[in-house]
Amino acid sequence: MTEKHGEYWKTLYDFGNNGGFLKLIDALRYGYEIEDEPITVTITPVQQNKIRSFCNCYKQNCDYHSLNVVKAVLDSLEIKIPGVNA
């Protein structure tokens, strides 16, 4: 079937044959909400150094607006980087 109709058709076919079709109809009929999925963000030491370097560049060029934007984004994501916003 994949050779004839493509990979996406196979995905839909498998979804429909495993009870997915009725779930889709129920979602359309009764409404649905997307469930939030927790994610984990990992920032490596190399990435931290790059962010720190950008911030130091902003400080040297007196670009405090950009520096504050970077800090606000990190704070909103609850990411603390020593020398930047920690």
PDB file of N, CA and C in Angstrom:
ATOM      1  N   MET A   1       0.824  -1.183   0.000  1.00  0.00           N
ATOM      2  CA  MET A   1       0.000   0.000   0.000  1.00  0.00           C
ATOM      3  C   MET A   1       0.876   1.258   0.000  1.00  0.00           C
ATOM      4  N   THR A   2       1.991   1.223   0.724  1.00  0.00           N
ATOM      5  CA  THR A   2       2.859   2.388   0.789  1.00  0.00           C
ATOM      6  C   THR A   2       3.403   2.744  -0.584  1.00  0.00           C
ATOM      7  N   GLU A   3       3.752   1.704  -1.371  1.00  0.00           N
ATOM      8  CA  GLU A   3       4.292   1.967  -2.702  1.00  0.00           C
ATOM      9  C   GLU A   3       3.236   2.593  -3.604  1.00  0.00           C
ATOM     10  N   LYS A   4       1.979   2.171  -3.445  1.00  0.00           N
ATOM     11  CA  LYS A   4       0.914   2.641  -4.318  1.00  0.00           C
ATOM     12  C   LYS A   4       0.398   4.027  -3.931  1.00  0.00           C
ATOM     13  N   HIS A   5       0.171   4.249  -2.634  1.00  0.00           N
ATOM     14  CA  HIS A   5      -0.470   5.487  -2.187  1.00  0.00           C
ATOM     15  C   HIS A   5       0.461   6.429  -1.420  1.00  0.00           C
ATOM     16  N   GLY A   6       1.606   5.959  -1.004  1.00  0.00           N
ATOM     17  CA  GLY A   6       2.535   6.803  -0.269  1.00  0.00           C
ATOM     18  C   GLY A   6       2.463   6.573   1.229  1.00  0.00           C
ATOM     19  N   GLU A   7       3.447   7.091   1.902  1.00  0.00           N
ATOM     20  CA  GLU A   7       3.582   6.870   3.340  1.00  0.00           C
ATOM     21  C   GLU A   7       2.449   7.520   4.139  1.00  0.00           C
ATOM     22  N   TYR A   8       2.006   8.696   3.704  1.00  0.00           N
ATOM     23  CA  TYR A   8       0.952   9.391   4.449  1.00  0.00           C
ATOM     24  C   TYR A   8      -0.357   8.603   4.412  1.00  0.00           C
ATOM     25  N   TRP A   9      -0.663   7.983   3.303  1.00  0.00           N
ATOM     26  CA  TRP A   9      -1.876   7.176   3.200  1.00  0.00           C
ATOM     27  C   TRP A   9      -1.813   6.019   4.190  1.00  0.00           C
ATOM     28  N   LYS A  10      -0.646   5.387   4.296  1.00  0.00           N
ATOM     29  CA  LYS A  10      -0.484   4.269   5.227  1.00  0.00           C
ATOM     30  C   LYS A  10      -0.731   4.739   6.666  1.00  0.00           C
ATOM     31  N   THR A  11      -0.233   5.919   7.011  1.00  0.00           N
ATOM     32  CA  THR A  11      -0.440   6.457   8.357  1.00  0.00           C
ATOM     33  C   THR A  11      -1.923   6.663   8.632  1.00  0.00           C
ATOM     34  N   LEU A  12      -2.638   7.259   7.686  1.00  0.00           N
ATOM     35  CA  LEU A  12      -4.078   7.454   7.844  1.00  0.00           C
ATOM     36  C   LEU A  12      -4.817   6.123   7.911  1.00  0.00           C
ATOM     37  N   TYR A  13      -4.412   5.197   7.088  1.00  0.00           N
ATOM     38  CA  TYR A  13      -5.048   3.878   7.059  1.00  0.00           C
ATOM     39  C   TYR A  13      -4.872   3.181   8.411  1.00  0.00           C
ATOM     40  N   ASP A  14      -3.640   3.192   8.934  1.00  0.00           N
ATOM     41  CA  ASP A  14      -3.375   2.561  10.227  1.00  0.00           C
ATOM     42  C   ASP A  14      -4.151   3.245  11.341  1.00  0.00           C
ATOM     43  N   PHE A  15      -4.211   4.587  11.313  1.00  0.00           N
ATOM     44  CA  PHE A  15      -4.956   5.346  12.320  1.00  0.00           C
ATOM     45  C   PHE A  15      -6.432   4.978  12.284  1.00  0.00           C
ATOM     46  N   GLY A  16      -6.999   4.889  11.093  1.00  0.00           N
ATOM     47  CA  GLY A  16      -8.413   4.558  10.942  1.00  0.00           C
ATOM     48  C   GLY A  16      -8.742   3.150  11.384  1.00  0.00           C
ATOM     49  N   ASN A  17      -7.847   2.220  11.157  1.00  0.00           N
ATOM     50  CA  ASN A  17      -8.101   0.829  11.505  1.00  0.00           C
ATOM     51  C   ASN A  17      -7.858   0.517  12.980  1.00  0.00           C
ATOM     52  N   ASN A  18      -7.260   1.439  13.697  1.00  0.00           N
ATOM     53  CA  ASN A  18      -6.983   1.212  15.119  1.00  0.00           C
ATOM     54  C   ASN A  18      -7.895   2.045  16.011  1.00  0.00           C
ATOM     55  N   GLY A  19      -9.095   2.351  15.551  1.00  0.00           N
ATOM     56  CA  GLY A  19     -10.057   3.093  16.354  1.00  0.00           C
ATOM     57  C   GLY A  19      -9.906   4.598  16.247  1.00  0.00           C
ATOM     58  N   GLY A  20      -8.970   5.053  15.472  1.00  0.00           N
ATOM     59  CA  GLY A  20      -8.727   6.484  15.353  1.00  0.00           C
ATOM     60  C   GLY A  20      -9.837   7.228  14.643  1.00  0.00           C
ATOM     61  N   PHE A  21     -10.506   6.564  13.709  1.00  0.00           N
ATOM     62  CA  PHE A  21     -11.563   7.232  12.945  1.00  0.00           C
ATOM     63  C   PHE A  21     -12.690   7.682  13.864  1.00  0.00           C
ATOM     64  N   LEU A  22     -13.112   6.813  14.770  1.00  0.00           N
ATOM     65  CA  LEU A  22     -14.182   7.172  15.702  1.00  0.00           C
ATOM     66  C   LEU A  22     -13.730   8.264  16.666  1.00  0.00           C
ATOM     67  N   LYS A  23     -12.466   8.240  17.067  1.00  0.00           N
ATOM     68  CA  LYS A  23     -11.943   9.304  17.926  1.00  0.00           C
ATOM     69  C   LYS A  23     -11.987  10.645  17.190  1.00  0.00           C
ATOM     70  N   LEU A  24     -11.640  10.626  15.925  1.00  0.00           N
ATOM     71  CA  LEU A  24     -11.664  11.847  15.120  1.00  0.00           C
ATOM     72  C   LEU A  24     -13.084  12.379  14.983  1.00  0.00           C
ATOM     73  N   ILE A  25     -14.030  11.501  14.706  1.00  0.00           N
ATOM     74  CA  ILE A  25     -15.431  11.911  14.576  1.00  0.00           C
ATOM     75  C   ILE A  25     -15.933  12.482  15.906  1.00  0.00           C
ATOM     76  N   ASP A  26     -15.623  11.820  17.017  1.00  0.00           N
ATOM     77  CA  ASP A  26     -16.042  12.319  18.335  1.00  0.00           C
ATOM     78  C   ASP A  26     -15.431  13.686  18.626  1.00  0.00           C
ATOM     79  N   ALA A  27     -14.173  13.874  18.249  1.00  0.00           N
ATOM     80  CA  ALA A  27     -13.520  15.157  18.472  1.00  0.00           C
ATOM     81  C   ALA A  27     -14.207  16.252  17.668  1.00  0.00           C
ATOM     82  N   LEU A  28     -14.585  15.952  16.445  1.00  0.00           N
ATOM     83  CA  LEU A  28     -15.286  16.938  15.624  1.00  0.00           C
ATOM     84  C   LEU A  28     -16.686  17.208  16.158  1.00  0.00           C
ATOM     85  N   ARG A  29     -17.339  16.177  16.660  1.00  0.00           N
ATOM     86  CA  ARG A  29     -18.713  16.316  17.149  1.00  0.00           C
ATOM     87  C   ARG A  29     -18.767  17.047  18.491  1.00  0.00           C
ATOM     88  N   TYR A  30     -17.917  16.639  19.436  1.00  0.00           N
ATOM     89  CA  TYR A  30     -18.002  17.147  20.800  1.00  0.00           C
ATOM     90  C   TYR A  30     -16.961  18.223  21.125  1.00  0.00           C
ATOM     91  N   GLY A  31     -16.074  18.469  20.218  1.00  0.00           N
ATOM     92  CA  GLY A  31     -14.983  19.406  20.477  1.00  0.00           C
ATOM     93  C   GLY A  31     -13.817  18.683  21.125  1.00  0.00           C
ATOM     94  N   TYR A  32     -12.711  19.315  21.122  1.00  0.00           N
ATOM     95  CA  TYR A  32     -11.529  18.698  21.703  1.00  0.00           C
ATOM     96  C   TYR A  32     -10.604  19.793  22.215  1.00  0.00           C
ATOM     97  N   GLU A  33      -9.750  19.410  23.129  1.00  0.00           N
ATOM     98  CA  GLU A  33      -8.736  20.295  23.661  1.00  0.00           C
ATOM     99  C   GLU A  33      -7.395  19.624  23.504  1.00  0.00           C
ATOM    100  N   ILE A  34      -6.437  20.411  23.103  1.00  0.00           N
ATOM    101  CA  ILE A  34      -5.087  19.881  22.965  1.00  0.00           C
ATOM    102  C   ILE A  34      -4.465  19.827  24.353  1.00  0.00           C
ATOM    103  N   GLU A  35      -3.959  18.680  24.716  1.00  0.00           N
ATOM    104  CA  GLU A  35      -3.339  18.515  26.020  1.00  0.00           C
ATOM    105  C   GLU A  35      -1.911  19.040  25.965  1.00  0.00           C
ATOM    106  N   ASP A  36      -1.557  19.858  26.956  1.00  0.00           N
ATOM    107  CA  ASP A  36      -0.194  20.356  27.039  1.00  0.00           C
ATOM    108  C   ASP A  36       0.746  19.216  27.378  1.00  0.00           C
ATOM    109  N   GLU A  37       1.879  19.218  26.721  1.00  0.00           N
ATOM    110  CA  GLU A  37       2.886  18.210  27.004  1.00  0.00           C
ATOM    111  C   GLU A  37       4.080  18.896  27.646  1.00  0.00           C
ATOM    112  N   PRO A  38       4.527  18.392  28.780  1.00  0.00           N
ATOM    113  CA  PRO A  38       5.713  19.003  29.381  1.00  0.00           C
ATOM    114  C   PRO A  38       6.939  18.723  28.517  1.00  0.00           C
ATOM    115  N   ILE A  39       7.810  19.708  28.422  1.00  0.00           N
ATOM    116  CA  ILE A  39       9.044  19.516  27.669  1.00  0.00           C
ATOM    117  C   ILE A  39      10.224  19.829  28.573  1.00  0.00           C
ATOM    118  N   THR A  40      11.340  19.277  28.237  1.00  0.00           N
ATOM    119  CA  THR A  40      12.568  19.532  28.963  1.00  0.00           C
ATOM    120  C   THR A  40      13.528  20.248  28.032  1.00  0.00           C
ATOM    121  N   VAL A  41      14.068  21.364  28.507  1.00  0.00           N
ATOM    122  CA  VAL A  41      15.029  22.121  27.721  1.00  0.00           C
ATOM    123  C   VAL A  41      16.394  21.908  28.350  1.00  0.00           C
ATOM    124  N   THR A  42      17.352  21.490  27.546  1.00  0.00           N
ATOM    125  CA  THR A  42      18.710  21.301  28.020  1.00  0.00           C
ATOM    126  C   THR A  42      19.607  22.282  27.285  1.00  0.00           C
ATOM    127  N   ILE A  43      20.321  23.083  28.047  1.00  0.00           N
ATOM    128  CA  ILE A  43      21.258  24.034  27.461  1.00  0.00           C
ATOM    129  C   ILE A  43      22.653  23.589  27.866  1.00  0.00           C
ATOM    130  N   THR A  44      23.457  23.280  26.881  1.00  0.00           N
ATOM    131  CA  THR A  44      24.804  22.796  27.144  1.00  0.00           C
ATOM    132  C   THR A  44      25.702  23.941  27.600  1.00  0.00           C
ATOM    133  N   PRO A  45      26.833  23.615  28.216  1.00  0.00           N
ATOM    134  CA  PRO A  45      27.782  24.667  28.598  1.00  0.00           C
ATOM    135  C   PRO A  45      28.238  25.511  27.398  1.00  0.00           C
ATOM    136  N   VAL A  46      28.380  24.885  26.242  1.00  0.00           N
ATOM    137  CA  VAL A  46      28.769  25.630  25.040  1.00  0.00           C
ATOM    138  C   VAL A  46      27.688  26.649  24.675  1.00  0.00           C
ATOM    139  N   GLN A  47      26.423  26.237  24.743  1.00  0.00           N
ATOM    140  CA  GLN A  47      25.321  27.156  24.447  1.00  0.00           C
ATOM    141  C   GLN A  47      25.252  28.267  25.487  1.00  0.00           C
ATOM    142  N   GLN A  48      25.495  27.944  26.748  1.00  0.00           N
ATOM    143  CA  GLN A  48      25.508  28.963  27.795  1.00  0.00           C
ATOM    144  C   GLN A  48      26.598  29.997  27.521  1.00  0.00           C
ATOM    145  N   ASN A  49      27.760  29.527  27.101  1.00  0.00           N
ATOM    146  CA  ASN A  49      28.853  30.449  26.787  1.00  0.00           C
ATOM    147  C   ASN A  49      28.508  31.350  25.609  1.00  0.00           C
ATOM    148  N   LYS A  50      27.804  30.804  24.615  1.00  0.00           N
ATOM    149  CA  LYS A  50      27.390  31.621  23.473  1.00  0.00           C
ATOM    150  C   LYS A  50      26.416  32.708  23.912  1.00  0.00           C
ATOM    151  N   ILE A  51      25.455  32.344  24.755  1.00  0.00           N
ATOM    152  CA  ILE A  51      24.489  33.326  25.251  1.00  0.00           C
ATOM    153  C   ILE A  51      25.202  34.379  26.084  1.00  0.00           C
ATOM    154  N   ARG A  52      26.115  33.941  26.936  1.00  0.00           N
ATOM    155  CA  ARG A  52      26.891  34.875  27.756  1.00  0.00           C
ATOM    156  C   ARG A  52      27.700  35.815  26.868  1.00  0.00           C
ATOM    157  N   SER A  53      28.270  35.279  25.800  1.00  0.00           N
ATOM    158  CA  SER A  53      29.053  36.080  24.854  1.00  0.00           C
ATOM    159  C   SER A  53      28.182  37.123  24.161  1.00  0.00           C
ATOM    160  N   PHE A  54      26.968  36.730  23.732  1.00  0.00           N
ATOM    161  CA  PHE A  54      26.047  37.691  23.120  1.00  0.00           C
ATOM    162  C   PHE A  54      25.730  38.820  24.102  1.00  0.00           C
ATOM    163  N   CYS A  55      25.447  38.450  25.343  1.00  0.00           N
ATOM    164  CA  CYS A  55      25.097  39.453  26.349  1.00  0.00           C
ATOM    165  C   CYS A  55      26.263  40.394  26.615  1.00  0.00           C
ATOM    166  N   ASN A  56      27.479  39.864  26.669  1.00  0.00           N
ATOM    167  CA  ASN A  56      28.648  40.724  26.866  1.00  0.00           C
ATOM    168  C   ASN A  56      28.825  41.683  25.694  1.00  0.00           C
ATOM    169  N   CYS A  57      28.538  41.201  24.488  1.00  0.00           N
ATOM    170  CA  CYS A  57      28.615  42.051  23.302  1.00  0.00           C
ATOM    171  C   CYS A  57      27.582  43.176  23.395  1.00  0.00           C
ATOM    172  N   TYR A  58      26.372  42.846  23.836  1.00  0.00           N
ATOM    173  CA  TYR A  58      25.331  43.863  23.997  1.00  0.00           C
ATOM    174  C   TYR A  58      25.757  44.904  25.035  1.00  0.00           C
ATOM    175  N   LYS A  59      26.386  44.426  26.133  1.00  0.00           N
ATOM    176  CA  LYS A  59      26.841  45.352  27.175  1.00  0.00           C
ATOM    177  C   LYS A  59      27.914  46.293  26.632  1.00  0.00           C
ATOM    178  N   GLN A  60      28.863  45.745  25.880  1.00  0.00           N
ATOM    179  CA  GLN A  60      29.949  46.558  25.333  1.00  0.00           C
ATOM    180  C   GLN A  60      29.435  47.600  24.348  1.00  0.00           C
ATOM    181  N   ASN A  61      28.394  47.265  23.609  1.00  0.00           N
ATOM    182  CA  ASN A  61      27.827  48.193  22.631  1.00  0.00           C
ATOM    183  C   ASN A  61      26.706  49.041  23.227  1.00  0.00           C
ATOM    184  N   CYS A  62      26.525  48.932  24.535  1.00  0.00           N
ATOM    185  CA  CYS A  62      25.470  49.679  25.240  1.00  0.00           C
ATOM    186  C   CYS A  62      24.084  49.433  24.636  1.00  0.00           C
ATOM    187  N   ASP A  63      23.879  48.210  24.136  1.00  0.00           N
ATOM    188  CA  ASP A  63      22.581  47.839  23.573  1.00  0.00           C
ATOM    189  C   ASP A  63      21.765  47.172  24.673  1.00  0.00           C
ATOM    190  N   TYR A  64      21.325  47.979  25.627  1.00  0.00           N
ATOM    191  CA  TYR A  64      20.634  47.444  26.792  1.00  0.00           C
ATOM    192  C   TYR A  64      19.233  46.927  26.455  1.00  0.00           C
ATOM    193  N   HIS A  65      18.646  47.448  25.412  1.00  0.00           N
ATOM    194  CA  HIS A  65      17.324  46.944  25.011  1.00  0.00           C
ATOM    195  C   HIS A  65      17.428  45.467  24.602  1.00  0.00           C
ATOM    196  N   SER A  66      18.387  45.136  23.743  1.00  0.00           N
ATOM    197  CA  SER A  66      18.566  43.740  23.317  1.00  0.00           C
ATOM    198  C   SER A  66      18.953  42.862  24.499  1.00  0.00           C
ATOM    199  N   LEU A  67      19.803  43.392  25.366  1.00  0.00           N
ATOM    200  CA  LEU A  67      20.211  42.638  26.556  1.00  0.00           C
ATOM    201  C   LEU A  67      19.004  42.337  27.439  1.00  0.00           C
ATOM    202  N   ASN A  68      18.143  43.317  27.627  1.00  0.00           N
ATOM    203  CA  ASN A  68      16.942  43.108  28.441  1.00  0.00           C
ATOM    204  C   ASN A  68      15.984  42.116  27.790  1.00  0.00           C
ATOM    205  N   VAL A  69      15.925  42.112  26.459  1.00  0.00           N
ATOM    206  CA  VAL A  69      15.062  41.151  25.764  1.00  0.00           C
ATOM    207  C   VAL A  69      15.563  39.732  26.011  1.00  0.00           C
ATOM    208  N   VAL A  70      16.873  39.527  25.881  1.00  0.00           N
ATOM    209  CA  VAL A  70      17.443  38.191  26.117  1.00  0.00           C
ATOM    210  C   VAL A  70      17.152  37.754  27.551  1.00  0.00           C
ATOM    211  N   LYS A  71      17.376  38.650  28.502  1.00  0.00           N
ATOM    212  CA  LYS A  71      17.117  38.312  29.906  1.00  0.00           C
ATOM    213  C   LYS A  71      15.644  38.017  30.149  1.00  0.00           C
ATOM    214  N   ALA A  72      14.762  38.780  29.527  1.00  0.00           N
ATOM    215  CA  ALA A  72      13.322  38.563  29.710  1.00  0.00           C
ATOM    216  C   ALA A  72      12.896  37.209  29.153  1.00  0.00           C
ATOM    217  N   VAL A  73      13.450  36.840  28.015  1.00  0.00           N
ATOM    218  CA  VAL A  73      13.115  35.532  27.421  1.00  0.00           C
ATOM    219  C   VAL A  73      13.601  34.412  28.335  1.00  0.00           C
ATOM    220  N   LEU A  74      14.842  34.518  28.800  1.00  0.00           N
ATOM    221  CA  LEU A  74      15.371  33.484  29.695  1.00  0.00           C
ATOM    222  C   LEU A  74      14.554  33.401  30.978  1.00  0.00           C
ATOM    223  N   ASP A  75      14.205  34.564  31.538  1.00  0.00           N
ATOM    224  CA  ASP A  75      13.398  34.568  32.770  1.00  0.00           C
ATOM    225  C   ASP A  75      12.022  33.968  32.541  1.00  0.00           C
ATOM    226  N   SER A  76      11.402  34.270  31.409  1.00  0.00           N
ATOM    227  CA  SER A  76      10.060  33.739  31.149  1.00  0.00           C
ATOM    228  C   SER A  76      10.086  32.224  30.976  1.00  0.00           C
ATOM    229  N   LEU A  77      11.212  31.700  30.513  1.00  0.00           N
ATOM    230  CA  LEU A  77      11.356  30.247  30.372  1.00  0.00           C
ATOM    231  C   LEU A  77      11.924  29.600  31.632  1.00  0.00           C
ATOM    232  N   GLU A  78      12.162  30.431  32.651  1.00  0.00           N
ATOM    233  CA  GLU A  78      12.729  29.974  33.919  1.00  0.00           C
ATOM    234  C   GLU A  78      14.068  29.290  33.724  1.00  0.00           C
ATOM    235  N   ILE A  79      14.892  29.895  32.852  1.00  0.00           N
ATOM    236  CA  ILE A  79      16.243  29.405  32.602  1.00  0.00           C
ATOM    237  C   ILE A  79      17.200  30.401  33.217  1.00  0.00           C
ATOM    238  N   LYS A  80      18.058  29.932  34.097  1.00  0.00           N
ATOM    239  CA  LYS A  80      19.043  30.782  34.767  1.00  0.00           C
ATOM    240  C   LYS A  80      20.431  30.433  34.258  1.00  0.00           C
ATOM    241  N   ILE A  81      21.138  31.457  33.794  1.00  0.00           N
ATOM    242  CA  ILE A  81      22.508  31.271  33.314  1.00  0.00           C
ATOM    243  C   ILE A  81      23.408  32.209  34.117  1.00  0.00           C
ATOM    244  N   PRO A  82      24.360  31.648  34.851  1.00  0.00           N
ATOM    245  CA  PRO A  82      25.266  32.491  35.629  1.00  0.00           C
ATOM    246  C   PRO A  82      25.979  33.507  34.737  1.00  0.00           C
ATOM    247  N   GLY A  83      26.008  34.742  35.194  1.00  0.00           N
ATOM    248  CA  GLY A  83      26.651  35.798  34.435  1.00  0.00           C
ATOM    249  C   GLY A  83      25.718  36.487  33.440  1.00  0.00           C
ATOM    250  N   VAL A  84      24.501  35.967  33.320  1.00  0.00           N
ATOM    251  CA  VAL A  84      23.541  36.586  32.414  1.00  0.00           C
ATOM    252  C   VAL A  84      22.328  37.062  33.204  1.00  0.00           C
ATOM    253  N   ASN A  85      21.623  36.124  33.803  1.00  0.00           N
ATOM    254  CA  ASN A  85      20.418  36.491  34.555  1.00  0.00           C
ATOM    255  C   ASN A  85      20.327  35.743  35.899  1.00  0.00           C
ATOM    256  N   ALA A  86      21.431  35.175  36.331  1.00  0.00           N
ATOM    257  CA  ALA A  86      21.415  34.453  37.616  1.00  0.00           C
ATOM    258  C   ALA A  86      22.396  35.076  38.583  1.00  0.00           C
TER     259      ALA A  86
END
